[in-house]
Amino acid sequence: MGRKLHIPPPVVKENEDEYLKELSKISEAENWIERHSVHNESNQETKRIIQHDNSRNQDFVYVVSFVVALLILTLGIAFFCLPALVVIFLFK
């Protein structure tokens, strides 16, 4: 499975026509590529920065946190302090 490397013969008077023919094919191919290429003139370094306004979300989090803290405090008073006060008044 060896590869065969094609090494062209050196340019001498006998194979000058073959060399020039290959050279013209290469230059024709380069010209074709240049004609059919699309050049992009836009700036590739343009970066977009998208900023989000999170102030409404942050306010919502503060309100929810306050409501949860108030609920925990109310339940603590209702289930601990009120029965304790009832016991104190009953056994006074």
PDB file of N, CA and C in Angstrom:
ATOM      1  N   MET A   1       0.825  -1.170   0.000  1.00  0.00           N
ATOM      2  CA  MET A   1       0.000   0.000   0.000  1.00  0.00           C
ATOM      3  C   MET A   1       0.881   1.250   0.000  1.00  0.00           C
ATOM      4  N   GLY A   2       1.902   1.222  -0.771  1.00  0.00           N
ATOM      5  CA  GLY A   2       2.802   2.361  -0.848  1.00  0.00           C
ATOM      6  C   GLY A   2       2.288   3.409  -1.821  1.00  0.00           C
ATOM      7  N   ARG A   3       2.625   4.642  -1.556  1.00  0.00           N
ATOM      8  CA  ARG A   3       2.230   5.723  -2.442  1.00  0.00           C
ATOM      9  C   ARG A   3       3.331   5.952  -3.459  1.00  0.00           C
ATOM     10  N   LYS A   4       2.885   6.283  -4.636  1.00  0.00           N
ATOM     11  CA  LYS A   4       3.853   6.608  -5.669  1.00  0.00           C
ATOM     12  C   LYS A   4       3.862   8.119  -5.830  1.00  0.00           C
ATOM     13  N   LEU A   5       5.006   8.692  -5.668  1.00  0.00           N
ATOM     14  CA  LEU A   5       5.160  10.122  -5.761  1.00  0.00           C
ATOM     15  C   LEU A   5       5.604  10.459  -7.179  1.00  0.00           C
ATOM     16  N   HIS A   6       4.807  11.341  -7.807  1.00  0.00           N
ATOM     17  CA  HIS A   6       5.149  11.745  -9.175  1.00  0.00           C
ATOM     18  C   HIS A   6       6.038  12.972  -9.104  1.00  0.00           C
ATOM     19  N   ILE A   7       7.277  12.801  -9.452  1.00  0.00           N
ATOM     20  CA  ILE A   7       8.220  13.906  -9.492  1.00  0.00           C
ATOM     21  C   ILE A   7       8.455  14.236 -10.958  1.00  0.00           C
ATOM     22  N   PRO A   8       8.079  15.466 -11.350  1.00  0.00           N
ATOM     23  CA  PRO A   8       8.254  15.807 -12.769  1.00  0.00           C
ATOM     24  C   PRO A   8       9.731  15.896 -13.135  1.00  0.00           C
ATOM     25  N   PRO A   9      10.003  15.648 -14.368  1.00  0.00           N
ATOM     26  CA  PRO A   9      11.404  15.733 -14.796  1.00  0.00           C
ATOM     27  C   PRO A   9      11.890  17.185 -14.738  1.00  0.00           C
ATOM     28  N   PRO A  10      13.180  17.389 -14.640  1.00  0.00           N
ATOM     29  CA  PRO A  10      13.694  18.763 -14.592  1.00  0.00           C
ATOM     30  C   PRO A  10      13.417  19.494 -15.904  1.00  0.00           C
ATOM     31  N   VAL A  11      13.320  20.801 -15.794  1.00  0.00           N
ATOM     32  CA  VAL A  11      13.021  21.607 -16.977  1.00  0.00           C
ATOM     33  C   VAL A  11      14.283  21.709 -17.827  1.00  0.00           C
ATOM     34  N   VAL A  12      14.160  21.107 -18.974  1.00  0.00           N
ATOM     35  CA  VAL A  12      15.247  21.183 -19.952  1.00  0.00           C
ATOM     36  C   VAL A  12      14.612  21.477 -21.302  1.00  0.00           C
ATOM     37  N   LYS A  13      15.387  21.662 -22.296  1.00  0.00           N
ATOM     38  CA  LYS A  13      14.870  22.004 -23.622  1.00  0.00           C
ATOM     39  C   LYS A  13      13.906  20.946 -24.155  1.00  0.00           C
ATOM     40  N   GLU A  14      14.112  19.653 -23.816  1.00  0.00           N
ATOM     41  CA  GLU A  14      13.263  18.604 -24.370  1.00  0.00           C
ATOM     42  C   GLU A  14      11.844  18.646 -23.776  1.00  0.00           C
ATOM     43  N   ASN A  15      11.700  18.967 -22.488  1.00  0.00           N
ATOM     44  CA  ASN A  15      10.374  18.957 -21.869  1.00  0.00           C
ATOM     45  C   ASN A  15       9.891  20.368 -21.513  1.00  0.00           C
ATOM     46  N   GLU A  16      10.419  21.374 -22.159  1.00  0.00           N
ATOM     47  CA  GLU A  16      10.012  22.748 -21.893  1.00  0.00           C
ATOM     48  C   GLU A  16       8.550  22.978 -22.275  1.00  0.00           C
ATOM     49  N   ASP A  17       8.088  22.382 -23.354  1.00  0.00           N
ATOM     50  CA  ASP A  17       6.698  22.551 -23.784  1.00  0.00           C
ATOM     51  C   ASP A  17       5.734  21.974 -22.744  1.00  0.00           C
ATOM     52  N   GLU A  18       6.062  20.807 -22.212  1.00  0.00           N
ATOM     53  CA  GLU A  18       5.207  20.184 -21.193  1.00  0.00           C
ATOM     54  C   GLU A  18       5.160  21.047 -19.925  1.00  0.00           C
ATOM     55  N   TYR A  19       6.299  21.594 -19.544  1.00  0.00           N
ATOM     56  CA  TYR A  19       6.365  22.440 -18.354  1.00  0.00           C
ATOM     57  C   TYR A  19       5.535  23.708 -18.546  1.00  0.00           C
ATOM     58  N   LEU A  20       5.668  24.346 -19.720  1.00  0.00           N
ATOM     59  CA  LEU A  20       4.913  25.569 -19.989  1.00  0.00           C
ATOM     60  C   LEU A  20       3.419  25.291 -20.071  1.00  0.00           C
ATOM     61  N   LYS A  21       3.047  24.110 -20.579  1.00  0.00           N
ATOM     62  CA  LYS A  21       1.638  23.737 -20.650  1.00  0.00           C
ATOM     63  C   LYS A  21       1.055  23.576 -19.244  1.00  0.00           C
ATOM     64  N   GLU A  22       1.776  22.931 -18.346  1.00  0.00           N
ATOM     65  CA  GLU A  22       1.332  22.776 -16.960  1.00  0.00           C
ATOM     66  C   GLU A  22       1.264  24.132 -16.263  1.00  0.00           C
ATOM     67  N   LEU A  23       2.242  24.973 -16.540  1.00  0.00           N
ATOM     68  CA  LEU A  23       2.268  26.299 -15.943  1.00  0.00           C
ATOM     69  C   LEU A  23       1.088  27.143 -16.402  1.00  0.00           C
ATOM     70  N   SER A  24       0.717  27.029 -17.679  1.00  0.00           N
ATOM     71  CA  SER A  24      -0.435  27.787 -18.178  1.00  0.00           C
ATOM     72  C   SER A  24      -1.741  27.257 -17.562  1.00  0.00           C
ATOM     73  N   LYS A  25      -1.831  25.939 -17.317  1.00  0.00           N
ATOM     74  CA  LYS A  25      -3.019  25.387 -16.662  1.00  0.00           C
ATOM     75  C   LYS A  25      -3.149  25.935 -15.243  1.00  0.00           C
ATOM     76  N   ILE A  26      -2.021  26.025 -14.556  1.00  0.00           N
ATOM     77  CA  ILE A  26      -2.046  26.550 -13.190  1.00  0.00           C
ATOM     78  C   ILE A  26      -2.465  28.017 -13.186  1.00  0.00           C
ATOM     79  N   SER A  27      -1.922  28.802 -14.102  1.00  0.00           N
ATOM     80  CA  SER A  27      -2.274  30.227 -14.137  1.00  0.00           C
ATOM     81  C   SER A  27      -3.731  30.410 -14.564  1.00  0.00           C
ATOM     82  N   GLU A  28      -4.235  29.565 -15.457  1.00  0.00           N
ATOM     83  CA  GLU A  28      -5.652  29.628 -15.835  1.00  0.00           C
ATOM     84  C   GLU A  28      -6.541  29.298 -14.638  1.00  0.00           C
ATOM     85  N   ALA A  29      -6.153  28.309 -13.866  1.00  0.00           N
ATOM     86  CA  ALA A  29      -6.926  27.940 -12.686  1.00  0.00           C
ATOM     87  C   ALA A  29      -6.924  29.073 -11.658  1.00  0.00           C
ATOM     88  N   GLU A  30      -5.782  29.709 -11.457  1.00  0.00           N
ATOM     89  CA  GLU A  30      -5.721  30.826 -10.517  1.00  0.00           C
ATOM     90  C   GLU A  30      -6.568  31.998 -10.997  1.00  0.00           C
ATOM     91  N   ASN A  31      -6.553  32.264 -12.302  1.00  0.00           N
ATOM     92  CA  ASN A  31      -7.387  33.335 -12.853  1.00  0.00           C
ATOM     93  C   ASN A  31      -8.873  33.012 -12.695  1.00  0.00           C
ATOM     94  N   TRP A  32      -9.247  31.759 -12.927  1.00  0.00           N
ATOM     95  CA  TRP A  32     -10.650  31.355 -12.775  1.00  0.00           C
ATOM     96  C   TRP A  32     -11.102  31.533 -11.322  1.00  0.00           C
ATOM     97  N   ILE A  33     -10.249  31.138 -10.391  1.00  0.00           N
ATOM     98  CA  ILE A  33     -10.582  31.291  -8.970  1.00  0.00           C
ATOM     99  C   ILE A  33     -10.750  32.765  -8.636  1.00  0.00           C
ATOM    100  N   GLU A  34      -9.874  33.610  -9.146  1.00  0.00           N
ATOM    101  CA  GLU A  34      -9.956  35.054  -8.869  1.00  0.00           C
ATOM    102  C   GLU A  34     -11.235  35.651  -9.459  1.00  0.00           C
ATOM    103  N   ARG A  35     -11.612  35.237 -10.655  1.00  0.00           N
ATOM    104  CA  ARG A  35     -12.835  35.764 -11.277  1.00  0.00           C
ATOM    105  C   ARG A  35     -14.087  35.334 -10.535  1.00  0.00           C
ATOM    106  N   HIS A  36     -14.117  34.122 -10.041  1.00  0.00           N
ATOM    107  CA  HIS A  36     -15.319  33.570  -9.416  1.00  0.00           C
ATOM    108  C   HIS A  36     -15.334  33.685  -7.900  1.00  0.00           C
ATOM    109  N   SER A  37     -14.378  34.361  -7.337  1.00  0.00           N
ATOM    110  CA  SER A  37     -14.345  34.542  -5.886  1.00  0.00           C
ATOM    111  C   SER A  37     -15.229  35.713  -5.492  1.00  0.00           C
ATOM    112  N   VAL A  38     -15.812  35.597  -4.329  1.00  0.00           N
ATOM    113  CA  VAL A  38     -16.625  36.679  -3.775  1.00  0.00           C
ATOM    114  C   VAL A  38     -15.817  37.328  -2.673  1.00  0.00           C
ATOM    115  N   HIS A  39     -15.638  38.617  -2.791  1.00  0.00           N
ATOM    116  CA  HIS A  39     -14.859  39.347  -1.794  1.00  0.00           C
ATOM    117  C   HIS A  39     -15.810  39.937  -0.774  1.00  0.00           C
ATOM    118  N   ASN A  40     -15.521  39.698   0.472  1.00  0.00           N
ATOM    119  CA  ASN A  40     -16.332  40.207   1.567  1.00  0.00           C
ATOM    120  C   ASN A  40     -15.677  41.487   2.078  1.00  0.00           C
ATOM    121  N   GLU A  41     -16.368  42.598   1.893  1.00  0.00           N
ATOM    122  CA  GLU A  41     -15.812  43.888   2.288  1.00  0.00           C
ATOM    123  C   GLU A  41     -16.211  44.280   3.710  1.00  0.00           C
ATOM    124  N   SER A  42     -17.002  43.448   4.367  1.00  0.00           N
ATOM    125  CA  SER A  42     -17.458  43.803   5.712  1.00  0.00           C
ATOM    126  C   SER A  42     -16.335  43.624   6.714  1.00  0.00           C
ATOM    127  N   ASN A  43     -16.508  44.263   7.835  1.00  0.00           N
ATOM    128  CA  ASN A  43     -15.510  44.186   8.902  1.00  0.00           C
ATOM    129  C   ASN A  43     -15.746  42.916   9.699  1.00  0.00           C
ATOM    130  N   GLN A  44     -14.783  42.036   9.715  1.00  0.00           N
ATOM    131  CA  GLN A  44     -14.919  40.765  10.420  1.00  0.00           C
ATOM    132  C   GLN A  44     -14.802  40.941  11.927  1.00  0.00           C
ATOM    133  N   GLU A  45     -14.286  42.088  12.382  1.00  0.00           N
ATOM    134  CA  GLU A  45     -14.044  42.305  13.798  1.00  0.00           C
ATOM    135  C   GLU A  45     -15.263  42.870  14.528  1.00  0.00           C
ATOM    136  N   THR A  46     -16.379  43.023  13.826  1.00  0.00           N
ATOM    137  CA  THR A  46     -17.575  43.576  14.453  1.00  0.00           C
ATOM    138  C   THR A  46     -18.130  42.583  15.457  1.00  0.00           C
ATOM    139  N   LYS A  47     -18.304  43.059  16.691  1.00  0.00           N
ATOM    140  CA  LYS A  47     -18.870  42.216  17.736  1.00  0.00           C
ATOM    141  C   LYS A  47     -20.090  42.917  18.280  1.00  0.00           C
ATOM    142  N   ARG A  48     -21.147  42.161  18.480  1.00  0.00           N
ATOM    143  CA  ARG A  48     -22.368  42.729  19.031  1.00  0.00           C
ATOM    144  C   ARG A  48     -22.431  42.439  20.518  1.00  0.00           C
ATOM    145  N   ILE A  49     -22.759  43.466  21.265  1.00  0.00           N
ATOM    146  CA  ILE A  49     -22.929  43.318  22.704  1.00  0.00           C
ATOM    147  C   ILE A  49     -24.408  43.522  22.998  1.00  0.00           C
ATOM    148  N   ILE A  50     -25.026  42.497  23.533  1.00  0.00           N
ATOM    149  CA  ILE A  50     -26.444  42.560  23.860  1.00  0.00           C
ATOM    150  C   ILE A  50     -26.569  42.742  25.356  1.00  0.00           C
ATOM    151  N   GLN A  51     -27.246  43.805  25.744  1.00  0.00           N
ATOM    152  CA  GLN A  51     -27.426  44.079  27.156  1.00  0.00           C
ATOM    153  C   GLN A  51     -28.872  43.828  27.533  1.00  0.00           C
ATOM    154  N   HIS A  52     -29.063  43.172  28.647  1.00  0.00           N
ATOM    155  CA  HIS A  52     -30.398  42.891  29.147  1.00  0.00           C
ATOM    156  C   HIS A  52     -30.659  43.753  30.369  1.00  0.00           C
ATOM    157  N   ASP A  53     -31.885  44.246  30.463  1.00  0.00           N
ATOM    158  CA  ASP A  53     -32.281  45.022  31.625  1.00  0.00           C
ATOM    159  C   ASP A  53     -32.866  44.057  32.645  1.00  0.00           C
ATOM    160  N   ASN A  54     -32.063  43.706  33.643  1.00  0.00           N
ATOM    161  CA  ASN A  54     -32.488  42.748  34.654  1.00  0.00           C
ATOM    162  C   ASN A  54     -33.066  43.416  35.893  1.00  0.00           C
ATOM    163  N   SER A  55     -33.321  44.718  35.836  1.00  0.00           N
ATOM    164  CA  SER A  55     -33.799  45.409  37.027  1.00  0.00           C
ATOM    165  C   SER A  55     -35.193  44.916  37.422  1.00  0.00           C
ATOM    166  N   ARG A  56     -36.046  44.608  36.448  1.00  0.00           N
ATOM    167  CA  ARG A  56     -37.380  44.107  36.776  1.00  0.00           C
ATOM    168  C   ARG A  56     -37.289  42.730  37.427  1.00  0.00           C
ATOM    169  N   ASN A  57     -36.418  41.898  36.939  1.00  0.00           N
ATOM    170  CA  ASN A  57     -36.242  40.574  37.534  1.00  0.00           C
ATOM    171  C   ASN A  57     -35.695  40.685  38.951  1.00  0.00           C
ATOM    172  N   GLN A  58     -34.770  41.602  39.159  1.00  0.00           N
ATOM    173  CA  GLN A  58     -34.168  41.764  40.476  1.00  0.00           C
ATOM    174  C   GLN A  58     -35.201  42.292  41.468  1.00  0.00           C
ATOM    175  N   ASP A  59     -36.040  43.222  41.040  1.00  0.00           N
ATOM    176  CA  ASP A  59     -37.105  43.727  41.910  1.00  0.00           C
ATOM    177  C   ASP A  59     -38.073  42.610  42.268  1.00  0.00           C
ATOM    178  N   PHE A  60     -38.390  41.765  41.318  1.00  0.00           N
ATOM    179  CA  PHE A  60     -39.299  40.647  41.556  1.00  0.00           C
ATOM    180  C   PHE A  60     -38.701  39.689  42.598  1.00  0.00           C
ATOM    181  N   VAL A  61     -37.422  39.432  42.502  1.00  0.00           N
ATOM    182  CA  VAL A  61     -36.755  38.547  43.469  1.00  0.00           C
ATOM    183  C   VAL A  61     -36.802  39.160  44.864  1.00  0.00           C
ATOM    184  N   TYR A  62     -36.589  40.466  44.969  1.00  0.00           N
ATOM    185  CA  TYR A  62     -36.655  41.126  46.279  1.00  0.00           C
ATOM    186  C   TYR A  62     -38.058  41.017  46.873  1.00  0.00           C
ATOM    187  N   VAL A  63     -39.080  41.233  46.065  1.00  0.00           N
ATOM    188  CA  VAL A  63     -40.458  41.168  46.558  1.00  0.00           C
ATOM    189  C   VAL A  63     -40.788  39.752  47.012  1.00  0.00           C
ATOM    190  N   VAL A  64     -40.432  38.756  46.218  1.00  0.00           N
ATOM    191  CA  VAL A  64     -40.713  37.364  46.585  1.00  0.00           C
ATOM    192  C   VAL A  64     -39.964  36.996  47.858  1.00  0.00           C
ATOM    193  N   SER A  65     -38.714  37.418  47.977  1.00  0.00           N
ATOM    194  CA  SER A  65     -37.936  37.125  49.189  1.00  0.00           C
ATOM    195  C   SER A  65     -38.582  37.760  50.421  1.00  0.00           C
ATOM    196  N   PHE A  66     -39.053  38.992  50.297  1.00  0.00           N
ATOM    197  CA  PHE A  66     -39.712  39.669  51.408  1.00  0.00           C
ATOM    198  C   PHE A  66     -40.998  38.948  51.798  1.00  0.00           C
ATOM    199  N   VAL A  67     -41.781  38.515  50.818  1.00  0.00           N
ATOM    200  CA  VAL A  67     -43.039  37.810  51.098  1.00  0.00           C
ATOM    201  C   VAL A  67     -42.753  36.484  51.793  1.00  0.00           C
ATOM    202  N   VAL A  68     -41.752  35.752  51.356  1.00  0.00           N
ATOM    203  CA  VAL A  68     -41.415  34.465  51.977  1.00  0.00           C
ATOM    204  C   VAL A  68     -40.943  34.684  53.413  1.00  0.00           C
ATOM    205  N   ALA A  69     -40.105  35.703  53.638  1.00  0.00           N
ATOM    206  CA  ALA A  69     -39.644  35.991  54.999  1.00  0.00           C
ATOM    207  C   ALA A  69     -40.807  36.379  55.903  1.00  0.00           C
ATOM    208  N   LEU A  70     -41.737  37.183  55.401  1.00  0.00           N
ATOM    209  CA  LEU A  70     -42.913  37.583  56.167  1.00  0.00           C
ATOM    210  C   LEU A  70     -43.794  36.376  56.479  1.00  0.00           C
ATOM    211  N   LEU A  71     -43.938  35.467  55.522  1.00  0.00           N
ATOM    212  CA  LEU A  71     -44.737  34.252  55.737  1.00  0.00           C
ATOM    213  C   LEU A  71     -44.105  33.380  56.819  1.00  0.00           C
ATOM    214  N   ILE A  72     -42.797  33.211  56.768  1.00  0.00           N
ATOM    215  CA  ILE A  72     -42.111  32.400  57.790  1.00  0.00           C
ATOM    216  C   ILE A  72     -42.259  33.044  59.161  1.00  0.00           C
ATOM    217  N   LEU A  73     -42.135  34.352  59.244  1.00  0.00           N
ATOM    218  CA  LEU A  73     -42.296  35.052  60.520  1.00  0.00           C
ATOM    219  C   LEU A  73     -43.722  34.908  61.053  1.00  0.00           C
ATOM    220  N   THR A  74     -44.695  35.052  60.178  1.00  0.00           N
ATOM    221  CA  THR A  74     -46.100  34.907  60.593  1.00  0.00           C
ATOM    222  C   THR A  74     -46.393  33.504  61.074  1.00  0.00           C
ATOM    223  N   LEU A  75     -45.910  32.503  60.349  1.00  0.00           N
ATOM    224  CA  LEU A  75     -46.139  31.123  60.771  1.00  0.00           C
ATOM    225  C   LEU A  75     -45.414  30.829  62.077  1.00  0.00           C
ATOM    226  N   GLY A  76     -44.243  31.394  62.278  1.00  0.00           N
ATOM    227  CA  GLY A  76     -43.521  31.213  63.535  1.00  0.00           C
ATOM    228  C   GLY A  76     -44.296  31.789  64.701  1.00  0.00           C
ATOM    229  N   ILE A  77     -44.871  32.963  64.497  1.00  0.00           N
ATOM    230  CA  ILE A  77     -45.673  33.568  65.556  1.00  0.00           C
ATOM    231  C   ILE A  77     -46.930  32.752  65.803  1.00  0.00           C
ATOM    232  N   ALA A  78     -47.564  32.324  64.730  1.00  0.00           N
ATOM    233  CA  ALA A  78     -48.836  31.609  64.873  1.00  0.00           C
ATOM    234  C   ALA A  78     -48.659  30.251  65.541  1.00  0.00           C
ATOM    235  N   PHE A  79     -47.612  29.534  65.205  1.00  0.00           N
ATOM    236  CA  PHE A  79     -47.462  28.174  65.735  1.00  0.00           C
ATOM    237  C   PHE A  79     -46.594  28.073  66.985  1.00  0.00           C
ATOM    238  N   PHE A  80     -45.882  29.116  67.336  1.00  0.00           N
ATOM    239  CA  PHE A  80     -45.042  29.047  68.527  1.00  0.00           C
ATOM    240  C   PHE A  80     -45.471  30.055  69.598  1.00  0.00           C
ATOM    241  N   CYS A  81     -45.555  31.292  69.214  1.00  0.00           N
ATOM    242  CA  CYS A  81     -45.797  32.336  70.209  1.00  0.00           C
ATOM    243  C   CYS A  81     -47.236  32.311  70.744  1.00  0.00           C
ATOM    244  N   LEU A  82     -48.201  32.154  69.883  1.00  0.00           N
ATOM    245  CA  LEU A  82     -49.590  32.154  70.365  1.00  0.00           C
ATOM    246  C   LEU A  82     -49.870  30.999  71.315  1.00  0.00           C
ATOM    247  N   PRO A  83     -49.497  29.763  71.023  1.00  0.00           N
ATOM    248  CA  PRO A  83     -49.723  28.706  72.011  1.00  0.00           C
ATOM    249  C   PRO A  83     -48.962  28.952  73.305  1.00  0.00           C
ATOM    250  N   ALA A  84     -47.781  29.531  73.219  1.00  0.00           N
ATOM    251  CA  ALA A  84     -47.029  29.835  74.441  1.00  0.00           C
ATOM    252  C   ALA A  84     -47.765  30.878  75.273  1.00  0.00           C
ATOM    253  N   LEU A  85     -48.313  31.889  74.620  1.00  0.00           N
ATOM    254  CA  LEU A  85     -49.080  32.890  75.349  1.00  0.00           C
ATOM    255  C   LEU A  85     -50.343  32.303  75.980  1.00  0.00           C
ATOM    256  N   VAL A  86     -50.978  31.377  75.269  1.00  0.00           N
ATOM    257  CA  VAL A  86     -52.175  30.720  75.815  1.00  0.00           C
ATOM    258  C   VAL A  86     -51.807  29.922  77.058  1.00  0.00           C
ATOM    259  N   VAL A  87     -50.703  29.185  77.009  1.00  0.00           N
ATOM    260  CA  VAL A  87     -50.264  28.388  78.157  1.00  0.00           C
ATOM    261  C   VAL A  87     -49.934  29.316  79.338  1.00  0.00           C
ATOM    262  N   ILE A  88     -49.286  30.422  79.078  1.00  0.00           N
ATOM    263  CA  ILE A  88     -48.929  31.360  80.146  1.00  0.00           C
ATOM    264  C   ILE A  88     -50.190  31.904  80.816  1.00  0.00           C
ATOM    265  N   PHE A  89     -51.173  32.291  80.017  1.00  0.00           N
ATOM    266  CA  PHE A  89     -52.398  32.851  80.601  1.00  0.00           C
ATOM    267  C   PHE A  89     -53.223  31.792  81.324  1.00  0.00           C
ATOM    268  N   LEU A  90     -53.165  30.531  80.845  1.00  0.00           N
ATOM    269  CA  LEU A  90     -53.959  29.476  81.485  1.00  0.00           C
ATOM    270  C   LEU A  90     -53.371  29.066  82.821  1.00  0.00           C
ATOM    271  N   PHE A  91     -52.064  29.009  82.926  1.00  0.00           N
ATOM    272  CA  PHE A  91     -51.432  28.533  84.154  1.00  0.00           C
ATOM    273  C   PHE A  91     -50.864  29.671  84.998  1.00  0.00           C
ATOM    274  N   LYS A  92     -51.408  30.792  84.951  1.00  0.00           N
ATOM    275  CA  LYS A  92     -50.930  31.932  85.697  1.00  0.00           C
ATOM    276  C   LYS A  92     -51.349  31.918  87.127  1.00  0.00           C
TER     277      LYS A  92
END
